[in-house]
């Protein structure tokens, strides 16, 4: 069993919103909320990024 990296990615614009977390493949996404990133999201009506965890091998 290997490890995978989970990255916080904005669901609106696709920008990476912070550092990733490495976890085992069977562990699933982190239980903590992804970090919020400063800066403006061009695809959002309120101008804020909306990050969610995405899995990368």
PDB file of N, CA and C in Angstrom:
ATOM      1  N   UNK A   1       0.839  -1.180   0.000  1.00  0.00           N
ATOM      2  CA  UNK A   1       0.000   0.000   0.000  1.00  0.00           C
ATOM      3  C   UNK A   1       0.883   1.242   0.000  1.00  0.00           C
ATOM      4  N   UNK A   2       0.588   2.195  -0.878  1.00  0.00           N
ATOM      5  CA  UNK A   2       1.398   3.397  -0.997  1.00  0.00           C
ATOM      6  C   UNK A   2       0.741   4.603  -0.361  1.00  0.00           C
ATOM      7  N   UNK A   3       1.322   5.738  -0.660  1.00  0.00           N
ATOM      8  CA  UNK A   3       0.756   6.981  -0.151  1.00  0.00           C
ATOM      9  C   UNK A   3       0.280   7.836  -1.311  1.00  0.00           C
ATOM     10  N   UNK A   4      -0.684   8.670  -1.055  1.00  0.00           N
ATOM     11  CA  UNK A   4      -1.175   9.626  -2.038  1.00  0.00           C
ATOM     12  C   UNK A   4      -1.131  11.011  -1.406  1.00  0.00           C
ATOM     13  N   UNK A   5      -1.108  12.022  -2.240  1.00  0.00           N
ATOM     14  CA  UNK A   5      -1.083  13.395  -1.739  1.00  0.00           C
ATOM     15  C   UNK A   5      -2.450  14.026  -1.994  1.00  0.00           C
ATOM     16  N   UNK A   6      -2.966  14.689  -0.998  1.00  0.00           N
ATOM     17  CA  UNK A   6      -4.219  15.426  -1.094  1.00  0.00           C
ATOM     18  C   UNK A   6      -3.880  16.914  -1.138  1.00  0.00           C
ATOM     19  N   UNK A   7      -4.368  17.607  -2.174  1.00  0.00           N
ATOM     20  CA  UNK A   7      -4.091  19.032  -2.365  1.00  0.00           C
ATOM     21  C   UNK A   7      -5.394  19.822  -2.266  1.00  0.00           C
ATOM     22  N   UNK A   8      -5.370  20.995  -1.617  1.00  0.00           N
ATOM     23  CA  UNK A   8      -6.561  21.843  -1.609  1.00  0.00           C
ATOM     24  C   UNK A   8      -6.670  22.618  -2.928  1.00  0.00           C
ATOM     25  N   UNK A   9      -7.718  22.368  -3.698  1.00  0.00           N
ATOM     26  CA  UNK A   9      -7.931  22.979  -5.003  1.00  0.00           C
ATOM     27  C   UNK A   9      -9.265  23.737  -4.986  1.00  0.00           C
ATOM     28  N   UNK A  10      -9.284  24.954  -5.506  1.00  0.00           N
ATOM     29  CA  UNK A  10     -10.512  25.745  -5.567  1.00  0.00           C
ATOM     30  C   UNK A  10     -11.472  25.101  -6.565  1.00  0.00           C
ATOM     31  N   UNK A  11     -12.711  24.841  -6.130  1.00  0.00           N
ATOM     32  CA  UNK A  11     -13.691  24.209  -7.014  1.00  0.00           C
ATOM     33  C   UNK A  11     -14.204  25.166  -8.085  1.00  0.00           C
ATOM     34  N   UNK A  12     -13.988  26.458  -7.898  1.00  0.00           N
ATOM     35  CA  UNK A  12     -14.481  27.444  -8.863  1.00  0.00           C
ATOM     36  C   UNK A  12     -13.481  27.748  -9.975  1.00  0.00           C
ATOM     37  N   UNK A  13     -12.199  27.914  -9.624  1.00  0.00           N
ATOM     38  CA  UNK A  13     -11.218  28.300 -10.645  1.00  0.00           C
ATOM     39  C   UNK A  13     -10.127  27.254 -10.874  1.00  0.00           C
ATOM     40  N   UNK A  14     -10.011  26.252  -9.992  1.00  0.00           N
ATOM     41  CA  UNK A  14      -9.016  25.201 -10.163  1.00  0.00           C
ATOM     42  C   UNK A  14      -7.637  25.528  -9.624  1.00  0.00           C
ATOM     43  N   UNK A  15      -7.481  26.669  -8.933  1.00  0.00           N
ATOM     44  CA  UNK A  15      -6.176  27.064  -8.394  1.00  0.00           C
ATOM     45  C   UNK A  15      -5.844  26.259  -7.146  1.00  0.00           C
ATOM     46  N   UNK A  16      -4.566  25.904  -7.001  1.00  0.00           N
ATOM     47  CA  UNK A  16      -4.087  25.250  -5.782  1.00  0.00           C
ATOM     48  C   UNK A  16      -4.119  26.273  -4.651  1.00  0.00           C
ATOM     49  N   UNK A  17      -4.706  25.886  -3.523  1.00  0.00           N
ATOM     50  CA  UNK A  17      -4.934  26.838  -2.434  1.00  0.00           C
ATOM     51  C   UNK A  17      -4.133  26.538  -1.180  1.00  0.00           C
ATOM     52  N   UNK A  18      -2.935  26.011  -1.298  1.00  0.00           N
ATOM     53  CA  UNK A  18      -2.119  25.765  -0.118  1.00  0.00           C
ATOM     54  C   UNK A  18      -1.328  24.483  -0.244  1.00  0.00           C
ATOM     55  N   UNK A  19      -0.728  24.082   0.867  1.00  0.00           N
ATOM     56  CA  UNK A  19       0.096  22.887   0.891  1.00  0.00           C
ATOM     57  C   UNK A  19      -0.726  21.613   0.949  1.00  0.00           C
ATOM     58  N   UNK A  20      -0.157  20.547   0.474  1.00  0.00           N
ATOM     59  CA  UNK A  20      -0.841  19.269   0.474  1.00  0.00           C
ATOM     60  C   UNK A  20      -0.514  18.432   1.695  1.00  0.00           C
ATOM     61  N   UNK A  21      -1.226  17.327   1.821  1.00  0.00           N
ATOM     62  CA  UNK A  21      -1.030  16.380   2.920  1.00  0.00           C
ATOM     63  C   UNK A  21      -0.865  14.989   2.315  1.00  0.00           C
ATOM     64  N   UNK A  22       0.190  14.279   2.716  1.00  0.00           N
ATOM     65  CA  UNK A  22       0.400  12.904   2.261  1.00  0.00           C
ATOM     66  C   UNK A  22      -0.250  11.946   3.251  1.00  0.00           C
ATOM     67  N   UNK A  23      -1.009  10.981   2.714  1.00  0.00           N
ATOM     68  CA  UNK A  23      -1.696   9.989   3.546  1.00  0.00           C
ATOM     69  C   UNK A  23      -1.651   8.645   2.832  1.00  0.00           C
ATOM     70  N   UNK A  24      -1.928   7.566   3.572  1.00  0.00           N
ATOM     71  CA  UNK A  24      -1.963   6.257   2.938  1.00  0.00           C
ATOM     72  C   UNK A  24      -3.166   6.185   2.003  1.00  0.00           C
ATOM     73  N   UNK A  25      -3.100   5.311   1.003  1.00  0.00           N
ATOM     74  CA  UNK A  25      -4.161   5.202   0.007  1.00  0.00           C
ATOM     75  C   UNK A  25      -5.508   4.853   0.622  1.00  0.00           C
ATOM     76  N   UNK A  26      -5.505   4.078   1.679  1.00  0.00           N
ATOM     77  CA  UNK A  26      -6.765   3.632   2.278  1.00  0.00           C
ATOM     78  C   UNK A  26      -7.352   4.645   3.265  1.00  0.00           C
ATOM     79  N   UNK A  27      -6.616   5.700   3.600  1.00  0.00           N
ATOM     80  CA  UNK A  27      -7.062   6.639   4.633  1.00  0.00           C
ATOM     81  C   UNK A  27      -8.153   7.592   4.165  1.00  0.00           C
ATOM     82  N   UNK A  28      -8.247   7.890   2.887  1.00  0.00           N
ATOM     83  CA  UNK A  28      -9.237   8.839   2.404  1.00  0.00           C
ATOM     84  C   UNK A  28      -8.783  10.278   2.598  1.00  0.00           C
ATOM     85  N   UNK A  29      -9.675  11.228   2.280  1.00  0.00           N
ATOM     86  CA  UNK A  29      -9.290  12.645   2.392  1.00  0.00           C
ATOM     87  C   UNK A  29      -9.117  13.072   3.844  1.00  0.00           C
ATOM     88  N   UNK A  30      -8.332  14.117   4.084  1.00  0.00           N
ATOM     89  CA  UNK A  30      -8.147  14.613   5.445  1.00  0.00           C
ATOM     90  C   UNK A  30      -9.472  15.071   6.054  1.00  0.00           C
ATOM     91  N   UNK A  31      -9.599  14.905   7.351  1.00  0.00           N
ATOM     92  CA  UNK A  31     -10.830  15.294   8.050  1.00  0.00           C
ATOM     93  C   UNK A  31     -10.897  16.794   8.309  1.00  0.00           C
ATOM     94  N   UNK A  32      -9.760  17.471   8.203  1.00  0.00           N
ATOM     95  CA  UNK A  32      -9.739  18.916   8.437  1.00  0.00           C
ATOM     96  C   UNK A  32     -10.181  19.653   7.176  1.00  0.00           C
ATOM     97  N   UNK A  33     -10.684  20.853   7.339  1.00  0.00           N
ATOM     98  CA  UNK A  33     -11.064  21.669   6.191  1.00  0.00           C
ATOM     99  C   UNK A  33      -9.813  22.171   5.487  1.00  0.00           C
ATOM    100  N   UNK A  34      -9.859  22.263   4.152  1.00  0.00           N
ATOM    101  CA  UNK A  34      -8.709  22.808   3.429  1.00  0.00           C
ATOM    102  C   UNK A  34      -8.452  24.255   3.843  1.00  0.00           C
ATOM    103  N   UNK A  35      -7.189  24.690   3.784  1.00  0.00           N
ATOM    104  CA  UNK A  35      -6.874  26.068   4.150  1.00  0.00           C
ATOM    105  C   UNK A  35      -7.457  27.065   3.149  1.00  0.00           C
ATOM    106  N   UNK A  36      -7.853  28.212   3.645  1.00  0.00           N
ATOM    107  CA  UNK A  36      -8.339  29.273   2.766  1.00  0.00           C
ATOM    108  C   UNK A  36      -7.151  30.073   2.261  1.00  0.00           C
ATOM    109  N   UNK A  37      -7.223  30.500   1.028  1.00  0.00           N
ATOM    110  CA  UNK A  37      -6.136  31.246   0.401  1.00  0.00           C
ATOM    111  C   UNK A  37      -6.551  32.696   0.209  1.00  0.00           C
ATOM    112  N   UNK A  38      -5.624  33.587   0.478  1.00  0.00           N
ATOM    113  CA  UNK A  38      -5.909  34.990   0.204  1.00  0.00           C
ATOM    114  C   UNK A  38      -5.824  35.212  -1.298  1.00  0.00           C
ATOM    115  N   UNK A  39      -6.325  36.299  -1.734  1.00  0.00           N
ATOM    116  CA  UNK A  39      -6.342  36.586  -3.158  1.00  0.00           C
ATOM    117  C   UNK A  39      -7.748  36.444  -3.699  1.00  0.00           C
ATOM    118  N   UNK A  40      -7.951  36.911  -4.907  1.00  0.00           N
ATOM    119  CA  UNK A  40      -9.285  36.893  -5.491  1.00  0.00           C
ATOM    120  C   UNK A  40      -9.458  35.727  -6.448  1.00  0.00           C
ATOM    121  N   UNK A  41     -10.632  35.104  -6.368  1.00  0.00           N
ATOM    122  CA  UNK A  41     -10.984  34.039  -7.297  1.00  0.00           C
ATOM    123  C   UNK A  41     -11.743  34.675  -8.459  1.00  0.00           C
ATOM    124  N   UNK A  42     -11.228  34.564  -9.687  1.00  0.00           N
ATOM    125  CA  UNK A  42     -11.889  35.199 -10.828  1.00  0.00           C
ATOM    126  C   UNK A  42     -13.223  34.552 -11.198  1.00  0.00           C
ATOM    127  N   UNK A  43     -13.460  33.332 -10.739  1.00  0.00           N
ATOM    128  CA  UNK A  43     -14.680  32.606 -11.102  1.00  0.00           C
ATOM    129  C   UNK A  43     -15.763  32.659 -10.036  1.00  0.00           C
ATOM    130  N   UNK A  44     -15.531  33.381  -8.958  1.00  0.00           N
ATOM    131  CA  UNK A  44     -16.468  33.433  -7.844  1.00  0.00           C
ATOM    132  C   UNK A  44     -17.205  34.765  -7.806  1.00  0.00           C
ATOM    133  N   UNK A  45     -18.486  34.722  -7.428  1.00  0.00           N
ATOM    134  CA  UNK A  45     -19.259  35.964  -7.333  1.00  0.00           C
ATOM    135  C   UNK A  45     -18.830  36.804  -6.142  1.00  0.00           C
ATOM    136  N   UNK A  46     -18.365  36.144  -5.057  1.00  0.00           N
ATOM    137  CA  UNK A  46     -17.924  36.901  -3.883  1.00  0.00           C
ATOM    138  C   UNK A  46     -16.417  37.153  -3.867  1.00  0.00           C
ATOM    139  N   UNK A  47     -15.699  36.646  -4.874  1.00  0.00           N
ATOM    140  CA  UNK A  47     -14.265  36.886  -4.984  1.00  0.00           C
ATOM    141  C   UNK A  47     -13.390  35.994  -4.118  1.00  0.00           C
ATOM    142  N   UNK A  48     -13.982  35.015  -3.433  1.00  0.00           N
ATOM    143  CA  UNK A  48     -13.211  34.149  -2.538  1.00  0.00           C
ATOM    144  C   UNK A  48     -13.083  32.745  -3.124  1.00  0.00           C
ATOM    145  N   UNK A  49     -11.919  32.129  -2.858  1.00  0.00           N
ATOM    146  CA  UNK A  49     -11.710  30.749  -3.279  1.00  0.00           C
ATOM    147  C   UNK A  49     -12.520  29.806  -2.392  1.00  0.00           C
ATOM    148  N   UNK A  50     -12.941  28.673  -2.970  1.00  0.00           N
ATOM    149  CA  UNK A  50     -13.668  27.653  -2.220  1.00  0.00           C
ATOM    150  C   UNK A  50     -12.901  26.334  -2.398  1.00  0.00           C
ATOM    151  N   UNK A  51     -11.909  26.076  -1.525  1.00  0.00           N
ATOM    152  CA  UNK A  51     -11.078  24.884  -1.708  1.00  0.00           C
ATOM    153  C   UNK A  51     -11.757  23.605  -1.251  1.00  0.00           C
ATOM    154  N   UNK A  52     -11.408  22.508  -1.906  1.00  0.00           N
ATOM    155  CA  UNK A  52     -11.791  21.171  -1.463  1.00  0.00           C
ATOM    156  C   UNK A  52     -10.594  20.263  -1.722  1.00  0.00           C
ATOM    157  N   UNK A  53     -10.532  19.116  -1.050  1.00  0.00           N
ATOM    158  CA  UNK A  53      -9.397  18.205  -1.192  1.00  0.00           C
ATOM    159  C   UNK A  53      -9.512  17.416  -2.482  1.00  0.00           C
ATOM    160  N   UNK A  54      -8.450  17.370  -3.273  1.00  0.00           N
ATOM    161  CA  UNK A  54      -8.339  16.562  -4.485  1.00  0.00           C
ATOM    162  C   UNK A  54      -7.164  15.615  -4.333  1.00  0.00           C
ATOM    163  N   UNK A  55      -7.337  14.395  -4.795  1.00  0.00           N
ATOM    164  CA  UNK A  55      -6.310  13.354  -4.651  1.00  0.00           C
ATOM    165  C   UNK A  55      -5.358  13.341  -5.840  1.00  0.00           C
ATOM    166  N   UNK A  56      -4.059  13.259  -5.552  1.00  0.00           N
ATOM    167  CA  UNK A  56      -3.013  13.143  -6.567  1.00  0.00           C
ATOM    168  C   UNK A  56      -2.113  11.972  -6.186  1.00  0.00           C
ATOM    169  N   UNK A  57      -1.697  11.192  -7.157  1.00  0.00           N
ATOM    170  CA  UNK A  57      -0.784  10.071  -6.857  1.00  0.00           C
ATOM    171  C   UNK A  57       0.638  10.521  -6.948  1.00  0.00           C
TER     172      UNK A  57
END
